[in-house]
Amino acid sequence: FLTLVFVTGVLGIKNVGWTPAVGNDINANLGNLFIV
């Protein structure tokens, strides 16, 4: 999940083909993801 956030949010590579896709639920819980 963290690499998906980096690839889509930082590198701007969209539609990477891995499921589940990174969406608003991940962005809203990004802090929890970093803690985990």
PDB file of all heavy atoms in Angstrom:
ATOM      1  N   PHE A   1       0.826  -1.206   0.000  1.00  0.00           N
ATOM      2  CA  PHE A   1       0.000   0.000   0.000  1.00  0.00           C
ATOM      3  C   PHE A   1       0.860   1.256   0.000  1.00  0.00           C
ATOM      4  O   PHE A   1       0.550   2.231  -0.685  1.00  0.00           O
ATOM      5  CB  PHE A   1      -0.933  -0.007   1.217  1.00  0.00           C
ATOM      6  CG  PHE A   1      -2.256  -0.665   0.961  1.00  0.00           C
ATOM      7  CD1 PHE A   1      -2.395  -2.037   1.073  1.00  0.00           C
ATOM      8  CD2 PHE A   1      -3.361   0.084   0.606  1.00  0.00           C
ATOM      9  CE1 PHE A   1      -3.603  -2.652   0.837  1.00  0.00           C
ATOM     10  CE2 PHE A   1      -4.587  -0.519   0.370  1.00  0.00           C
ATOM     11  CZ  PHE A   1      -4.707  -1.899   0.485  1.00  0.00           C
ATOM     12  N   LEU A   2       1.942   1.237   0.783  1.00  0.00           N
ATOM     13  CA  LEU A   2       2.790   2.412   0.875  1.00  0.00           C
ATOM     14  C   LEU A   2       3.493   2.694  -0.457  1.00  0.00           C
ATOM     15  O   LEU A   2       3.615   3.856  -0.864  1.00  0.00           O
ATOM     16  CB  LEU A   2       3.827   2.225   1.979  1.00  0.00           C
ATOM     17  CG  LEU A   2       4.518   3.486   2.487  1.00  0.00           C
ATOM     18  CD1 LEU A   2       3.497   4.493   3.010  1.00  0.00           C
ATOM     19  CD2 LEU A   2       5.528   3.139   3.576  1.00  0.00           C
ATOM     20  N   THR A   3       3.929   1.663  -1.139  1.00  0.00           N
ATOM     21  CA  THR A   3       4.555   1.874  -2.452  1.00  0.00           C
ATOM     22  C   THR A   3       3.535   2.374  -3.463  1.00  0.00           C
ATOM     23  O   THR A   3       3.865   3.191  -4.342  1.00  0.00           O
ATOM     24  CB  THR A   3       5.200   0.576  -2.964  1.00  0.00           C
ATOM     25  OG1 THR A   3       4.225  -0.479  -2.994  1.00  0.00           O
ATOM     26  CG2 THR A   3       6.359   0.159  -2.086  1.00  0.00           C
ATOM     27  N   LEU A   4       2.289   1.928  -3.350  1.00  0.00           N
ATOM     28  CA  LEU A   4       1.244   2.430  -4.241  1.00  0.00           C
ATOM     29  C   LEU A   4       0.999   3.917  -4.008  1.00  0.00           C
ATOM     30  O   LEU A   4       0.820   4.687  -4.956  1.00  0.00           O
ATOM     31  CB  LEU A   4      -0.050   1.644  -4.030  1.00  0.00           C
ATOM     32  CG  LEU A   4      -0.101   0.227  -4.615  1.00  0.00           C
ATOM     33  CD1 LEU A   4      -1.381  -0.465  -4.201  1.00  0.00           C
ATOM     34  CD2 LEU A   4       0.006   0.273  -6.130  1.00  0.00           C
ATOM     35  N   VAL A   5       1.003   4.321  -2.726  1.00  0.00           N
ATOM     36  CA  VAL A   5       0.825   5.738  -2.409  1.00  0.00           C
ATOM     37  C   VAL A   5       1.973   6.546  -3.006  1.00  0.00           C
ATOM     38  O   VAL A   5       1.765   7.624  -3.582  1.00  0.00           O
ATOM     39  CB  VAL A   5       0.752   5.942  -0.886  1.00  0.00           C
ATOM     40  CG1 VAL A   5       0.799   7.425  -0.539  1.00  0.00           C
ATOM     41  CG2 VAL A   5      -0.519   5.320  -0.326  1.00  0.00           C
ATOM     42  N   PHE A   6       3.190   6.042  -2.898  1.00  0.00           N
ATOM     43  CA  PHE A   6       4.352   6.751  -3.426  1.00  0.00           C
ATOM     44  C   PHE A   6       4.299   6.844  -4.944  1.00  0.00           C
ATOM     45  O   PHE A   6       4.548   7.907  -5.526  1.00  0.00           O
ATOM     46  CB  PHE A   6       5.629   6.038  -2.986  1.00  0.00           C
ATOM     47  CG  PHE A   6       6.888   6.685  -3.487  1.00  0.00           C
ATOM     48  CD1 PHE A   6       7.385   7.834  -2.890  1.00  0.00           C
ATOM     49  CD2 PHE A   6       7.583   6.146  -4.561  1.00  0.00           C
ATOM     50  CE1 PHE A   6       8.545   8.439  -3.342  1.00  0.00           C
ATOM     51  CE2 PHE A   6       8.743   6.742  -5.034  1.00  0.00           C
ATOM     52  CZ  PHE A   6       9.229   7.894  -4.422  1.00  0.00           C
ATOM     53  N   VAL A   7       3.960   5.733  -5.592  1.00  0.00           N
ATOM     54  CA  VAL A   7       3.961   5.705  -7.054  1.00  0.00           C
ATOM     55  C   VAL A   7       2.860   6.594  -7.628  1.00  0.00           C
ATOM     56  O   VAL A   7       3.081   7.346  -8.584  1.00  0.00           O
ATOM     57  CB  VAL A   7       3.808   4.255  -7.557  1.00  0.00           C
ATOM     58  CG1 VAL A   7       3.513   4.220  -9.052  1.00  0.00           C
ATOM     59  CG2 VAL A   7       5.078   3.467  -7.267  1.00  0.00           C
ATOM     60  N   THR A   8       1.670   6.527  -7.040  1.00  0.00           N
ATOM     61  CA  THR A   8       0.551   7.294  -7.573  1.00  0.00           C
ATOM     62  C   THR A   8       0.567   8.748  -7.108  1.00  0.00           C
ATOM     63  O   THR A   8       0.265   9.659  -7.883  1.00  0.00           O
ATOM     64  CB  THR A   8      -0.783   6.650  -7.164  1.00  0.00           C
ATOM     65  OG1 THR A   8      -0.857   6.589  -5.729  1.00  0.00           O
ATOM     66  CG2 THR A   8      -0.898   5.252  -7.742  1.00  0.00           C
ATOM     67  N   GLY A   9       0.914   8.984  -5.829  1.00  0.00           N
ATOM     68  CA  GLY A   9       0.850  10.331  -5.286  1.00  0.00           C
ATOM     69  C   GLY A   9       2.078  11.175  -5.536  1.00  0.00           C
ATOM     70  O   GLY A   9       1.976  12.383  -5.733  1.00  0.00           O
ATOM     71  N   VAL A  10       3.265  10.544  -5.527  1.00  0.00           N
ATOM     72  CA  VAL A  10       4.515  11.291  -5.682  1.00  0.00           C
ATOM     73  C   VAL A  10       5.025  11.232  -7.109  1.00  0.00           C
ATOM     74  O   VAL A  10       5.344  12.257  -7.724  1.00  0.00           O
ATOM     75  CB  VAL A  10       5.588  10.766  -4.699  1.00  0.00           C
ATOM     76  CG1 VAL A  10       6.909  11.502  -4.906  1.00  0.00           C
ATOM     77  CG2 VAL A  10       5.107  10.904  -3.263  1.00  0.00           C
ATOM     78  N   LEU A  11       5.110  10.020  -7.666  1.00  0.00           N
ATOM     79  CA  LEU A  11       5.607   9.878  -9.032  1.00  0.00           C
ATOM     80  C   LEU A  11       4.553  10.201 -10.077  1.00  0.00           C
ATOM     81  O   LEU A  11       4.878  10.385 -11.251  1.00  0.00           O
ATOM     82  CB  LEU A  11       6.137   8.452  -9.245  1.00  0.00           C
ATOM     83  CG  LEU A  11       7.299   8.016  -8.336  1.00  0.00           C
ATOM     84  CD1 LEU A  11       7.770   6.623  -8.724  1.00  0.00           C
ATOM     85  CD2 LEU A  11       8.452   9.016  -8.403  1.00  0.00           C
ATOM     86  N   GLY A  12       3.288  10.234  -9.655  1.00  0.00           N
ATOM     87  CA  GLY A  12       2.214  10.591 -10.582  1.00  0.00           C
ATOM     88  C   GLY A  12       1.872   9.516 -11.585  1.00  0.00           C
ATOM     89  O   GLY A  12       1.273   9.795 -12.631  1.00  0.00           O
ATOM     90  N   ILE A  13       2.219   8.264 -11.287  1.00  0.00           N
ATOM     91  CA  ILE A  13       1.887   7.146 -12.177  1.00  0.00           C
ATOM     92  C   ILE A  13       0.522   6.610 -11.776  1.00  0.00           C
ATOM     93  O   ILE A  13       0.364   6.008 -10.716  1.00  0.00           O
ATOM     94  CB  ILE A  13       2.951   6.034 -12.099  1.00  0.00           C
ATOM     95  CG1 ILE A  13       4.332   6.603 -12.442  1.00  0.00           C
ATOM     96  CG2 ILE A  13       2.607   4.886 -13.039  1.00  0.00           C
ATOM     97  CD1 ILE A  13       5.451   5.585 -12.290  1.00  0.00           C
ATOM     98  N   LYS A  14      -0.457   6.819 -12.615  1.00  0.00           N
ATOM     99  CA  LYS A  14      -1.823   6.421 -12.295  1.00  0.00           C
ATOM    100  C   LYS A  14      -2.148   5.057 -12.916  1.00  0.00           C
ATOM    101  O   LYS A  14      -1.490   4.586 -13.829  1.00  0.00           O
ATOM    102  CB  LYS A  14      -2.810   7.470 -12.822  1.00  0.00           C
ATOM    103  CG  LYS A  14      -2.515   8.894 -12.342  1.00  0.00           C
ATOM    104  CD  LYS A  14      -2.576   9.009 -10.822  1.00  0.00           C
ATOM    105  CE  LYS A  14      -2.336  10.442 -10.356  1.00  0.00           C
ATOM    106  NZ  LYS A  14      -2.358  10.590  -8.901  1.00  0.00           N
ATOM    107  N   ASN A  15      -3.217   4.458 -12.385  1.00  0.00           N
ATOM    108  CA  ASN A  15      -3.723   3.219 -12.972  1.00  0.00           C
ATOM    109  C   ASN A  15      -2.638   2.154 -13.039  1.00  0.00           C
ATOM    110  O   ASN A  15      -2.333   1.602 -14.080  1.00  0.00           O
ATOM    111  CB  ASN A  15      -4.241   3.497 -14.392  1.00  0.00           C
ATOM    112  CG  ASN A  15      -5.579   2.832 -14.643  1.00  0.00           C
ATOM    113  OD1 ASN A  15      -6.107   2.140 -13.779  1.00  0.00           O
ATOM    114  ND2 ASN A  15      -6.113   3.060 -15.814  1.00  0.00           N
ATOM    115  N   VAL A  16      -2.044   1.820 -11.889  1.00  0.00           N
ATOM    116  CA  VAL A  16      -0.890   0.932 -11.878  1.00  0.00           C
ATOM    117  C   VAL A  16      -1.256  -0.544 -11.978  1.00  0.00           C
ATOM    118  O   VAL A  16      -0.378  -1.386 -12.113  1.00  0.00           O
ATOM    119  CB  VAL A  16      -0.043   1.166 -10.606  1.00  0.00           C
ATOM    120  CG1 VAL A  16       0.535   2.565 -10.618  1.00  0.00           C
ATOM    121  CG2 VAL A  16      -0.874   0.937  -9.356  1.00  0.00           C
ATOM    122  N   GLY A  17      -2.532  -0.878 -11.872  1.00  0.00           N
ATOM    123  CA  GLY A  17      -2.930  -2.252 -12.112  1.00  0.00           C
ATOM    124  C   GLY A  17      -2.959  -3.141 -10.885  1.00  0.00           C
ATOM    125  O   GLY A  17      -3.372  -4.285 -10.969  1.00  0.00           O
ATOM    126  N   TRP A  18      -2.519  -2.646  -9.730  1.00  0.00           N
ATOM    127  CA  TRP A  18      -2.591  -3.443  -8.512  1.00  0.00           C
ATOM    128  C   TRP A  18      -3.909  -3.164  -7.814  1.00  0.00           C
ATOM    129  O   TRP A  18      -4.364  -2.032  -7.737  1.00  0.00           O
ATOM    130  CB  TRP A  18      -1.441  -3.085  -7.571  1.00  0.00           C
ATOM    131  CG  TRP A  18      -0.174  -3.810  -7.895  1.00  0.00           C
ATOM    132  CD1 TRP A  18       0.126  -4.476  -9.042  1.00  0.00           C
ATOM    133  CD2 TRP A  18       0.975  -3.911  -7.066  1.00  0.00           C
ATOM    134  NE1 TRP A  18       1.377  -4.978  -8.981  1.00  0.00           N
ATOM    135  CE2 TRP A  18       1.935  -4.659  -7.778  1.00  0.00           C
ATOM    136  CE3 TRP A  18       1.295  -3.444  -5.796  1.00  0.00           C
ATOM    137  CZ2 TRP A  18       3.187  -4.964  -7.267  1.00  0.00           C
ATOM    138  CZ3 TRP A  18       2.542  -3.733  -5.280  1.00  0.00           C
ATOM    139  CH2 TRP A  18       3.471  -4.486  -5.996  1.00  0.00           C
ATOM    140  N   THR A  19      -4.568  -4.173  -7.321  1.00  0.00           N
ATOM    141  CA  THR A  19      -5.824  -4.011  -6.604  1.00  0.00           C
ATOM    142  C   THR A  19      -5.611  -4.363  -5.140  1.00  0.00           C
ATOM    143  O   THR A  19      -4.820  -5.255  -4.817  1.00  0.00           O
ATOM    144  CB  THR A  19      -6.896  -4.934  -7.210  1.00  0.00           C
ATOM    145  OG1 THR A  19      -6.409  -6.275  -7.213  1.00  0.00           O
ATOM    146  CG2 THR A  19      -7.232  -4.514  -8.624  1.00  0.00           C
ATOM    147  N   PRO A  20      -6.295  -3.726  -4.187  1.00  0.00           N
ATOM    148  CA  PRO A  20      -7.213  -2.623  -4.442  1.00  0.00           C
ATOM    149  C   PRO A  20      -6.487  -1.332  -4.783  1.00  0.00           C
ATOM    150  O   PRO A  20      -5.369  -1.119  -4.355  1.00  0.00           O
ATOM    151  CB  PRO A  20      -7.959  -2.474  -3.111  1.00  0.00           C
ATOM    152  CG  PRO A  20      -6.988  -2.966  -2.091  1.00  0.00           C
ATOM    153  CD  PRO A  20      -6.207  -4.072  -2.751  1.00  0.00           C
ATOM    154  N   ALA A  21      -7.139  -0.483  -5.543  1.00  0.00           N
ATOM    155  CA  ALA A  21      -6.522   0.777  -5.957  1.00  0.00           C
ATOM    156  C   ALA A  21      -6.420   1.717  -4.764  1.00  0.00           C
ATOM    157  O   ALA A  21      -7.193   1.652  -3.814  1.00  0.00           O
ATOM    158  CB  ALA A  21      -7.332   1.426  -7.079  1.00  0.00           C
ATOM    159  N   VAL A  22      -5.454   2.614  -4.835  1.00  0.00           N
ATOM    160  CA  VAL A  22      -5.286   3.617  -3.788  1.00  0.00           C
ATOM    161  C   VAL A  22      -6.337   4.698  -3.987  1.00  0.00           C
ATOM    162  O   VAL A  22      -6.394   5.329  -5.033  1.00  0.00           O
ATOM    163  CB  VAL A  22      -3.879   4.222  -3.832  1.00  0.00           C
ATOM    164  CG1 VAL A  22      -3.753   5.348  -2.820  1.00  0.00           C
ATOM    165  CG2 VAL A  22      -2.839   3.145  -3.568  1.00  0.00           C
ATOM    166  N   GLY A  23      -7.167   4.902  -3.008  1.00  0.00           N
ATOM    167  CA  GLY A  23      -8.245   5.878  -3.130  1.00  0.00           C
ATOM    168  C   GLY A  23      -8.265   6.836  -1.958  1.00  0.00           C
ATOM    169  O   GLY A  23      -7.304   6.958  -1.199  1.00  0.00           O
ATOM    170  N   ASN A  24      -9.384   7.506  -1.784  1.00  0.00           N
ATOM    171  CA  ASN A  24      -9.498   8.496  -0.723  1.00  0.00           C
ATOM    172  C   ASN A  24      -9.400   7.878   0.658  1.00  0.00           C
ATOM    173  O   ASN A  24      -8.968   8.527   1.607  1.00  0.00           O
ATOM    174  CB  ASN A  24     -10.830   9.245  -0.862  1.00  0.00           C
ATOM    175  CG  ASN A  24     -10.871  10.101  -2.125  1.00  0.00           C
ATOM    176  OD1 ASN A  24      -9.836  10.581  -2.576  1.00  0.00           O
ATOM    177  ND2 ASN A  24     -12.055  10.273  -2.683  1.00  0.00           N
ATOM    178  N   ASP A  25      -9.824   6.596   0.803  1.00  0.00           N
ATOM    179  CA  ASP A  25      -9.753   5.965   2.115  1.00  0.00           C
ATOM    180  C   ASP A  25      -8.308   5.811   2.573  1.00  0.00           C
ATOM    181  O   ASP A  25      -7.994   5.965   3.756  1.00  0.00           O
ATOM    182  CB  ASP A  25     -10.445   4.608   2.098  1.00  0.00           C
ATOM    183  CG  ASP A  25      -9.820   3.652   1.082  1.00  0.00           C
ATOM    184  OD1 ASP A  25      -9.307   4.133   0.057  1.00  0.00           O
ATOM    185  OD2 ASP A  25      -9.846   2.436   1.332  1.00  0.00           O
ATOM    186  N   ILE A  26      -7.408   5.531   1.626  1.00  0.00           N
ATOM    187  CA  ILE A  26      -5.995   5.431   1.979  1.00  0.00           C
ATOM    188  C   ILE A  26      -5.431   6.807   2.304  1.00  0.00           C
ATOM    189  O   ILE A  26      -4.696   6.987   3.281  1.00  0.00           O
ATOM    190  CB  ILE A  26      -5.193   4.784   0.834  1.00  0.00           C
ATOM    191  CG1 ILE A  26      -5.683   3.351   0.597  1.00  0.00           C
ATOM    192  CG2 ILE A  26      -3.704   4.782   1.150  1.00  0.00           C
ATOM    193  CD1 ILE A  26      -5.494   2.434   1.774  1.00  0.00           C
ATOM    194  N   ASN A  27      -5.762   7.796   1.501  1.00  0.00           N
ATOM    195  CA  ASN A  27      -5.245   9.146   1.736  1.00  0.00           C
ATOM    196  C   ASN A  27      -5.702   9.690   3.084  1.00  0.00           C
ATOM    197  O   ASN A  27      -4.956  10.388   3.773  1.00  0.00           O
ATOM    198  CB  ASN A  27      -5.686  10.077   0.610  1.00  0.00           C
ATOM    199  CG  ASN A  27      -5.077   9.681  -0.731  1.00  0.00           C
ATOM    200  OD1 ASN A  27      -3.967   9.187  -0.765  1.00  0.00           O
ATOM    201  ND2 ASN A  27      -5.803   9.899  -1.805  1.00  0.00           N
ATOM    202  N   ALA A  28      -6.939   9.367   3.450  1.00  0.00           N
ATOM    203  CA  ALA A  28      -7.469   9.841   4.725  1.00  0.00           C
ATOM    204  C   ALA A  28      -6.806   9.137   5.907  1.00  0.00           C
ATOM    205  O   ALA A  28      -6.777   9.678   7.021  1.00  0.00           O
ATOM    206  CB  ALA A  28      -8.982   9.627   4.784  1.00  0.00           C
ATOM    207  N   ASN A  29      -6.281   7.950   5.685  1.00  0.00           N
ATOM    208  CA  ASN A  29      -5.656   7.178   6.761  1.00  0.00           C
ATOM    209  C   ASN A  29      -4.159   7.010   6.540  1.00  0.00           C
ATOM    210  O   ASN A  29      -3.564   6.036   7.002  1.00  0.00           O
ATOM    211  CB  ASN A  29      -6.319   5.800   6.860  1.00  0.00           C
ATOM    212  CG  ASN A  29      -7.752   5.871   7.324  1.00  0.00           C
ATOM    213  OD1 ASN A  29      -8.027   6.017   8.510  1.00  0.00           O
ATOM    214  ND2 ASN A  29      -8.690   5.785   6.385  1.00  0.00           N
ATOM    215  N   LEU A  30      -3.564   7.953   5.821  1.00  0.00           N
ATOM    216  CA  LEU A  30      -2.148   7.850   5.508  1.00  0.00           C
ATOM    217  C   LEU A  30      -1.294   7.842   6.773  1.00  0.00           C
ATOM    218  O   LEU A  30      -0.290   7.131   6.850  1.00  0.00           O
ATOM    219  CB  LEU A  30      -1.733   9.005   4.596  1.00  0.00           C
ATOM    220  CG  LEU A  30      -0.336   8.929   3.982  1.00  0.00           C
ATOM    221  CD1 LEU A  30      -0.154   7.644   3.204  1.00  0.00           C
ATOM    222  CD2 LEU A  30      -0.088  10.141   3.091  1.00  0.00           C
ATOM    223  N   GLY A  31      -1.696   8.627   7.772  1.00  0.00           N
ATOM    224  CA  GLY A  31      -0.944   8.644   9.028  1.00  0.00           C
ATOM    225  C   GLY A  31      -0.923   7.282   9.681  1.00  0.00           C
ATOM    226  O   GLY A  31       0.121   6.819  10.160  1.00  0.00           O
ATOM    227  N   ASN A  32      -2.087   6.612   9.714  1.00  0.00           N
ATOM    228  CA  ASN A  32      -2.140   5.267  10.293  1.00  0.00           C
ATOM    229  C   ASN A  32      -1.281   4.284   9.504  1.00  0.00           C
ATOM    230  O   ASN A  32      -0.660   3.383  10.083  1.00  0.00           O
ATOM    231  CB  ASN A  32      -3.590   4.780  10.340  1.00  0.00           C
ATOM    232  CG  ASN A  32      -4.442   5.579  11.300  1.00  0.00           C
ATOM    233  OD1 ASN A  32      -3.942   6.086  12.306  1.00  0.00           O
ATOM    234  ND2 ASN A  32      -5.729   5.704  11.008  1.00  0.00           N
ATOM    235  N   LEU A  33      -1.254   4.458   8.182  1.00  0.00           N
ATOM    236  CA  LEU A  33      -0.430   3.588   7.348  1.00  0.00           C
ATOM    237  C   LEU A  33       1.047   3.762   7.681  1.00  0.00           C
ATOM    238  O   LEU A  33       1.789   2.777   7.788  1.00  0.00           O
ATOM    239  CB  LEU A  33      -0.681   3.892   5.871  1.00  0.00           C
ATOM    240  CG  LEU A  33       0.140   3.085   4.854  1.00  0.00           C
ATOM    241  CD1 LEU A  33      -0.106   1.592   5.023  1.00  0.00           C
ATOM    242  CD2 LEU A  33      -0.185   3.529   3.433  1.00  0.00           C
ATOM    243  N   PHE A  34       1.486   4.999   7.871  1.00  0.00           N
ATOM    244  CA  PHE A  34       2.881   5.250   8.238  1.00  0.00           C
ATOM    245  C   PHE A  34       3.205   4.662   9.615  1.00  0.00           C
ATOM    246  O   PHE A  34       4.314   4.160   9.840  1.00  0.00           O
ATOM    247  CB  PHE A  34       3.182   6.748   8.236  1.00  0.00           C
ATOM    248  CG  PHE A  34       3.426   7.310   6.864  1.00  0.00           C
ATOM    249  CD1 PHE A  34       2.764   8.457   6.441  1.00  0.00           C
ATOM    250  CD2 PHE A  34       4.320   6.702   5.992  1.00  0.00           C
ATOM    251  CE1 PHE A  34       3.000   8.982   5.175  1.00  0.00           C
ATOM    252  CE2 PHE A  34       4.558   7.221   4.730  1.00  0.00           C
ATOM    253  CZ  PHE A  34       3.893   8.361   4.313  1.00  0.00           C
ATOM    254  N   ILE A  35       2.239   4.735  10.529  1.00  0.00           N
ATOM    255  CA  ILE A  35       2.465   4.162  11.862  1.00  0.00           C
ATOM    256  C   ILE A  35       2.604   2.649  11.776  1.00  0.00           C
ATOM    257  O   ILE A  35       3.530   2.060  12.359  1.00  0.00           O
ATOM    258  CB  ILE A  35       1.321   4.550  12.815  1.00  0.00           C
ATOM    259  CG1 ILE A  35       1.371   6.048  13.122  1.00  0.00           C
ATOM    260  CG2 ILE A  35       1.407   3.744  14.109  1.00  0.00           C
ATOM    261  CD1 ILE A  35       0.224   6.533  13.984  1.00  0.00           C
ATOM    262  N   VAL A  36       1.700   2.014  11.039  1.00  0.00           N
ATOM    263  CA  VAL A  36       1.758   0.554  10.887  1.00  0.00           C
ATOM    264  C   VAL A  36       3.080   0.136  10.256  1.00  0.00           C
ATOM    265  O   VAL A  36       3.758  -0.789  10.721  1.00  0.00           O
ATOM    266  CB  VAL A  36       0.568   0.062  10.044  1.00  0.00           C
ATOM    267  CG1 VAL A  36       0.742  -1.404   9.662  1.00  0.00           C
ATOM    268  CG2 VAL A  36      -0.739   0.247  10.807  1.00  0.00           C
TER     269      VAL A  36
END
